[in-house]
Amino acid sequence: MPREAEPRYRAIAADLAAKIHTGHYPAGSALPAQRELSAAYGVTLMTLRQALRQLSDEGLIVQQAGRGTFVSPPHLAYRLGSLRSLADDLREQGHEVRTAVVSCGAGEPPAPVAAHVGSPALRLERVREFAGHAAVHQVSWVRLAPQLLDVDFTRVALYAALADIGVAVARASETIRPDVLSGDSSRYLGEPAGTPVFVSDRVTYTLDGTAVVADRAVILGRAMEIRAERAATGLSMTWAGALDATASLGPVS
């Protein structure tokens, strides 16, 4: 019996996927309008939309109501087992990361933070940009050392700056939870309030158990995927509830 012809929408999806993978349509770019694509492929809008639905299911595109269809941006892997700076971790993955410092100076932290790192403390507020877009808004409170006030944190990672003054980080306790964007984070990340995000709260310690950093990172949900290495022995995550996970592993300083 002759082979049944491949559905037209699948062939269109395969062609568009190939163009995405080869960079014809770069990550984050807009695809042509649906009517333009349907005319180019000589199919109805219904057939084209089947192809786009397949690409969406595969995570290759994102359809935004009223705006159009966009190639999905590449994802940053947030590695729970890493105790390195975010920038170093992402450079190893082949990504370019730009750090913008919003503010840096001594201040009075909130009482729960002061209980960890003392008061006054260094308040370091940063925005991490990836693939040309802001992806992480991070506020770090650091046990105050005068030498840190002169560090250029656009170029130097916080952990590296601590190491330079003889403070070696040894471990971190971290909680990651889903939330929605609000307040200053919405402004700095350029996304509307209510956008899905991950919120990381963590405390970093030295070898002797002294807390040196307490910070919060707000991470755009669509920009990150969280990865963890699991072993047959040893607890890597404790589940706090039906939808909440608490991780006691690596931070993103």
Protein backbone atom coordinates (compact mmCIF):
# COMPACT_ATOMS: atom_id res chain seq x y z
CA MET A 1 0.00 0.00 0.00
CA PRO A 2 1.31 3.52 -0.73
CA ARG A 3 2.51 5.50 2.28
CA GLU A 4 0.05 8.01 3.64
CA ALA A 5 1.23 11.55 2.97
CA GLU A 6 2.52 13.50 5.96
CA PRO A 7 -0.04 16.03 7.19
CA ARG A 8 0.75 19.42 5.74
CA TYR A 9 0.84 21.13 9.13
CA ARG A 10 3.60 18.78 10.31
CA ALA A 11 5.73 19.60 7.29
CA ILE A 12 5.24 23.32 7.99
CA ALA A 13 6.11 22.83 11.66
CA ALA A 14 9.26 20.93 10.69
CA ASP A 15 10.32 23.67 8.28
CA LEU A 16 9.74 26.43 10.82
CA ALA A 17 11.56 24.42 13.49
CA ALA A 18 14.55 24.01 11.18
CA LYS A 19 14.60 27.77 10.55
CA ILE A 20 14.52 28.40 14.30
CA HIS A 21 17.33 25.94 15.01
CA THR A 22 19.55 27.37 12.26
CA GLY A 23 19.02 30.97 13.45
CA HIS A 24 16.92 32.14 10.51
CA TYR A 25 14.44 33.14 13.20
CA PRO A 26 16.67 34.00 16.21
CA ALA A 27 15.67 33.43 19.82
CA GLY A 28 13.25 36.11 20.99
CA SER A 29 12.44 37.34 17.48
CA ALA A 30 8.93 37.62 16.06
CA LEU A 31 7.70 35.24 13.39
CA PRO A 32 5.92 36.75 10.37
CA ALA A 33 2.19 37.36 10.80
CA GLN A 34 -0.01 34.29 10.50
CA ARG A 35 -1.65 35.48 7.27
CA GLU A 36 1.79 36.08 5.76
CA LEU A 37 2.97 32.60 6.76
CA SER A 38 -0.19 30.88 5.54
CA ALA A 39 0.17 32.61 2.17
CA ALA A 40 3.87 31.68 1.97
CA TYR A 41 3.12 28.01 2.62
CA GLY A 42 -0.04 28.03 0.51
CA VAL A 43 -2.30 26.72 3.28
CA THR A 44 -5.31 27.91 5.23
CA LEU A 45 -4.99 29.75 8.52
CA MET A 46 -6.40 26.67 10.25
CA THR A 47 -3.59 24.49 8.89
CA LEU A 48 -0.95 27.05 9.82
CA ARG A 49 -2.33 27.33 13.34
CA GLN A 50 -2.04 23.56 13.73
CA ALA A 51 1.65 23.88 12.87
CA LEU A 52 2.11 26.73 15.32
CA ARG A 53 0.33 24.75 18.03
CA GLN A 54 2.80 21.91 17.51
CA LEU A 55 5.76 24.29 17.80
CA SER A 56 4.24 25.80 20.92
CA ASP A 57 3.79 22.34 22.46
CA GLU A 58 7.47 21.66 21.71
CA GLY A 59 8.47 24.88 23.49
CA LEU A 60 9.94 26.49 20.37
CA ILE A 61 7.58 29.45 20.17
CA VAL A 62 5.48 31.62 22.45
CA GLN A 63 2.18 33.11 21.26
CA GLN A 64 1.24 36.39 22.91
CA ALA A 65 -2.31 37.63 22.49
CA GLY A 66 -2.42 40.92 20.61
CA ARG A 67 1.33 40.91 19.96
CA GLY A 68 2.11 37.94 17.73
CA THR A 69 4.23 34.81 17.75
CA PHE A 70 7.80 34.83 19.05
CA VAL A 71 10.67 32.36 19.08
CA SER A 72 11.17 31.19 22.66
CA PRO A 73 14.21 32.74 24.33
CA PRO A 74 16.95 30.35 25.43
CA HIS A 75 16.66 29.29 29.07
CA LEU A 76 19.16 29.91 31.80
CA ALA A 77 19.76 26.77 33.84
CA TYR A 78 19.52 27.51 37.54
CA ARG A 79 21.66 24.74 38.99
CA LEU A 80 20.69 23.97 42.54
CA GLY A 81 23.88 22.04 43.24
CA SER A 82 26.22 24.89 42.36
CA LEU A 83 27.90 27.16 44.89
CA ARG A 84 29.36 29.59 42.39
CA SER A 85 28.36 33.02 41.16
CA LEU A 86 25.44 33.17 38.76
CA ALA A 87 27.59 34.81 36.10
CA ASP A 88 30.28 32.11 36.30
CA ASP A 89 27.69 29.34 36.19
CA LEU A 90 26.00 30.77 33.11
CA ARG A 91 29.26 31.52 31.29
CA GLU A 92 30.11 27.84 31.65
CA GLN A 93 26.80 27.12 29.89
CA GLY A 94 27.91 29.35 27.02
CA HIS A 95 25.75 32.37 27.88
CA GLU A 96 26.70 36.02 28.10
CA VAL A 97 25.43 37.74 31.23
CA ARG A 98 25.51 41.46 31.94
CA THR A 99 25.16 42.77 35.49
CA ALA A 100 23.75 46.22 36.11
CA VAL A 101 24.18 47.62 39.62
CA VAL A 102 21.10 49.56 40.75
CA SER A 103 22.60 50.60 44.10
CA CYS A 104 25.38 49.66 46.50
CA GLY A 105 25.95 51.09 49.95
CA ALA A 106 25.63 50.62 53.68
CA GLY A 107 22.14 50.45 55.10
CA GLU A 108 19.88 49.08 57.82
CA PRO A 109 18.49 45.71 56.76
CA PRO A 110 15.06 44.42 57.77
CA ALA A 111 15.06 42.72 61.17
CA PRO A 112 14.94 39.12 59.82
CA VAL A 113 17.94 39.87 57.60
CA ALA A 114 19.83 41.70 60.35
CA ALA A 115 19.46 38.58 62.49
CA HIS A 116 21.67 36.82 59.94
CA VAL A 117 24.21 39.37 58.73
CA GLY A 118 24.12 42.06 61.39
CA SER A 119 23.40 45.77 61.09
CA PRO A 120 24.43 47.94 59.37
CA ALA A 121 25.11 45.81 56.28
CA LEU A 122 26.04 46.32 52.65
CA ARG A 123 22.95 46.49 50.44
CA LEU A 124 23.74 45.44 46.88
CA GLU A 125 20.93 45.61 44.32
CA ARG A 126 21.56 44.19 40.86
CA VAL A 127 19.74 43.34 37.64
CA ARG A 128 21.04 40.44 35.56
CA GLU A 129 20.56 40.72 31.81
CA PHE A 130 20.63 37.70 29.54
CA ALA A 131 20.30 37.65 25.73
CA GLY A 132 19.68 41.40 25.87
CA HIS A 133 16.79 41.16 28.32
CA ALA A 134 16.60 41.66 32.09
CA ALA A 135 15.94 38.28 33.71
CA VAL A 136 16.85 38.52 37.41
CA HIS A 137 16.36 41.25 40.01
CA GLN A 138 18.49 40.56 43.08
CA VAL A 139 18.91 42.34 46.41
CA SER A 140 21.80 41.08 48.55
CA TRP A 141 22.54 42.10 52.13
CA VAL A 142 26.19 41.39 52.96
CA ARG A 143 27.90 41.40 56.36
CA LEU A 144 29.58 44.77 56.16
CA ALA A 145 33.27 44.97 55.25
CA PRO A 146 34.53 48.44 54.23
CA GLN A 147 36.59 46.97 51.36
CA LEU A 148 33.38 45.89 49.57
CA LEU A 149 32.18 49.48 49.17
CA ASP A 150 34.77 50.12 46.44
CA VAL A 151 34.15 46.95 44.39
CA ASP A 152 32.82 47.28 40.85
CA PHE A 153 30.07 44.66 41.01
CA THR A 154 29.29 45.06 37.32
CA ARG A 155 32.56 43.22 36.70
CA VAL A 156 33.26 41.30 39.92
CA ALA A 157 31.01 38.56 41.33
CA LEU A 158 30.03 38.92 44.96
CA TYR A 159 31.63 35.61 45.96
CA ALA A 160 34.85 36.61 44.21
CA ALA A 161 34.85 39.94 46.04
CA LEU A 162 34.39 38.13 49.35
CA ALA A 163 37.22 35.74 48.51
CA ASP A 164 39.47 38.70 47.72
CA ILE A 165 39.08 39.98 51.28
CA GLY A 166 39.63 36.53 52.77
CA VAL A 167 36.02 35.42 53.22
CA ALA A 168 35.37 31.97 51.72
CA VAL A 169 31.78 30.80 51.31
CA ALA A 170 31.14 27.18 52.22
CA ARG A 171 27.42 26.48 51.97
CA ALA A 172 24.02 28.10 51.49
CA SER A 173 20.47 27.48 52.61
CA GLU A 174 17.93 28.38 49.94
CA THR A 175 14.19 28.38 49.41
CA ILE A 176 12.70 28.70 45.93
CA ARG A 177 9.00 29.32 45.42
CA PRO A 178 6.70 30.38 42.57
CA ASP A 179 5.21 33.86 42.75
CA VAL A 180 4.11 36.74 40.54
CA LEU A 181 5.98 39.91 39.69
CA SER A 182 5.31 43.10 41.66
CA GLY A 183 6.88 46.30 42.95
CA ASP A 184 10.43 47.31 42.01
CA SER A 185 11.12 43.95 40.39
CA SER A 186 8.37 44.62 37.83
CA ARG A 187 9.96 47.97 36.99
CA TYR A 188 13.52 46.68 36.72
CA LEU A 189 12.61 43.58 34.72
CA GLY A 190 10.34 45.52 32.37
CA GLU A 191 7.41 43.13 32.75
CA PRO A 192 3.86 43.77 33.99
CA ALA A 193 2.77 42.96 37.52
CA GLY A 194 1.41 39.44 37.72
CA THR A 195 4.04 37.90 35.41
CA PRO A 196 5.06 34.43 36.73
CA VAL A 197 8.42 34.38 38.52
CA PHE A 198 10.55 32.27 40.81
CA VAL A 199 11.63 33.86 44.08
CA SER A 200 14.85 32.63 45.70
CA ASP A 201 15.55 33.49 49.35
CA ARG A 202 18.87 32.30 50.70
CA VAL A 203 21.53 32.71 53.31
CA THR A 204 25.20 31.96 52.58
CA TYR A 205 27.64 30.85 55.28
CA THR A 206 31.39 30.62 55.78
CA LEU A 207 33.22 27.52 56.99
CA ASP A 208 32.71 28.46 60.62
CA GLY A 209 28.96 28.88 60.15
CA THR A 210 28.90 32.67 60.04
CA ALA A 211 26.18 34.05 57.80
CA VAL A 212 27.72 36.51 55.34
CA VAL A 213 25.04 37.04 52.68
CA ALA A 214 21.25 37.10 52.88
CA ASP A 215 19.53 37.86 49.64
CA ARG A 216 16.47 37.56 47.47
CA ALA A 217 16.43 36.99 43.71
CA VAL A 218 13.32 37.41 41.57
CA ILE A 219 13.72 35.34 38.39
CA LEU A 220 11.44 35.58 35.36
CA GLY A 221 9.73 32.22 35.04
CA ARG A 222 10.03 32.02 31.27
CA ALA A 223 13.75 32.86 31.37
CA MET A 224 14.87 30.09 33.72
CA GLU A 225 14.64 26.38 34.15
CA ILE A 226 15.69 24.86 37.46
CA ARG A 227 17.96 21.82 37.38
CA ALA A 228 19.04 19.57 40.22
CA GLU A 229 21.30 16.54 40.39
CA ARG A 230 19.80 13.72 42.42
CA ALA A 231 21.47 10.72 43.96
CA ALA A 232 20.15 7.46 45.35
CA THR A 233 21.44 8.46 48.78
CA GLY A 234 21.34 11.85 50.42
CA LEU A 235 18.48 14.32 50.56
CA SER A 236 18.56 17.05 47.93
CA MET A 237 15.13 18.57 48.42
CA THR A 238 12.55 18.69 51.18
CA TRP A 239 8.97 19.16 50.05
CA ALA A 240 7.20 21.73 52.20
CA GLY A 241 3.74 21.22 50.76
CA ALA A 242 1.73 20.11 47.76
CA LEU A 243 3.10 22.91 45.58
CA ASP A 244 6.08 24.29 47.50
CA ALA A 245 9.64 22.94 47.34
CA THR A 246 12.46 23.99 49.62
CA ALA A 247 16.02 23.47 48.42
CA SER A 248 19.08 23.64 50.65
CA LEU A 249 21.66 23.92 47.94
CA GLY A 250 23.38 26.48 45.71
CA PRO A 251 22.68 30.20 45.44
CA VAL A 252 23.07 32.73 42.65
CA SER A 253 25.31 35.41 44.13
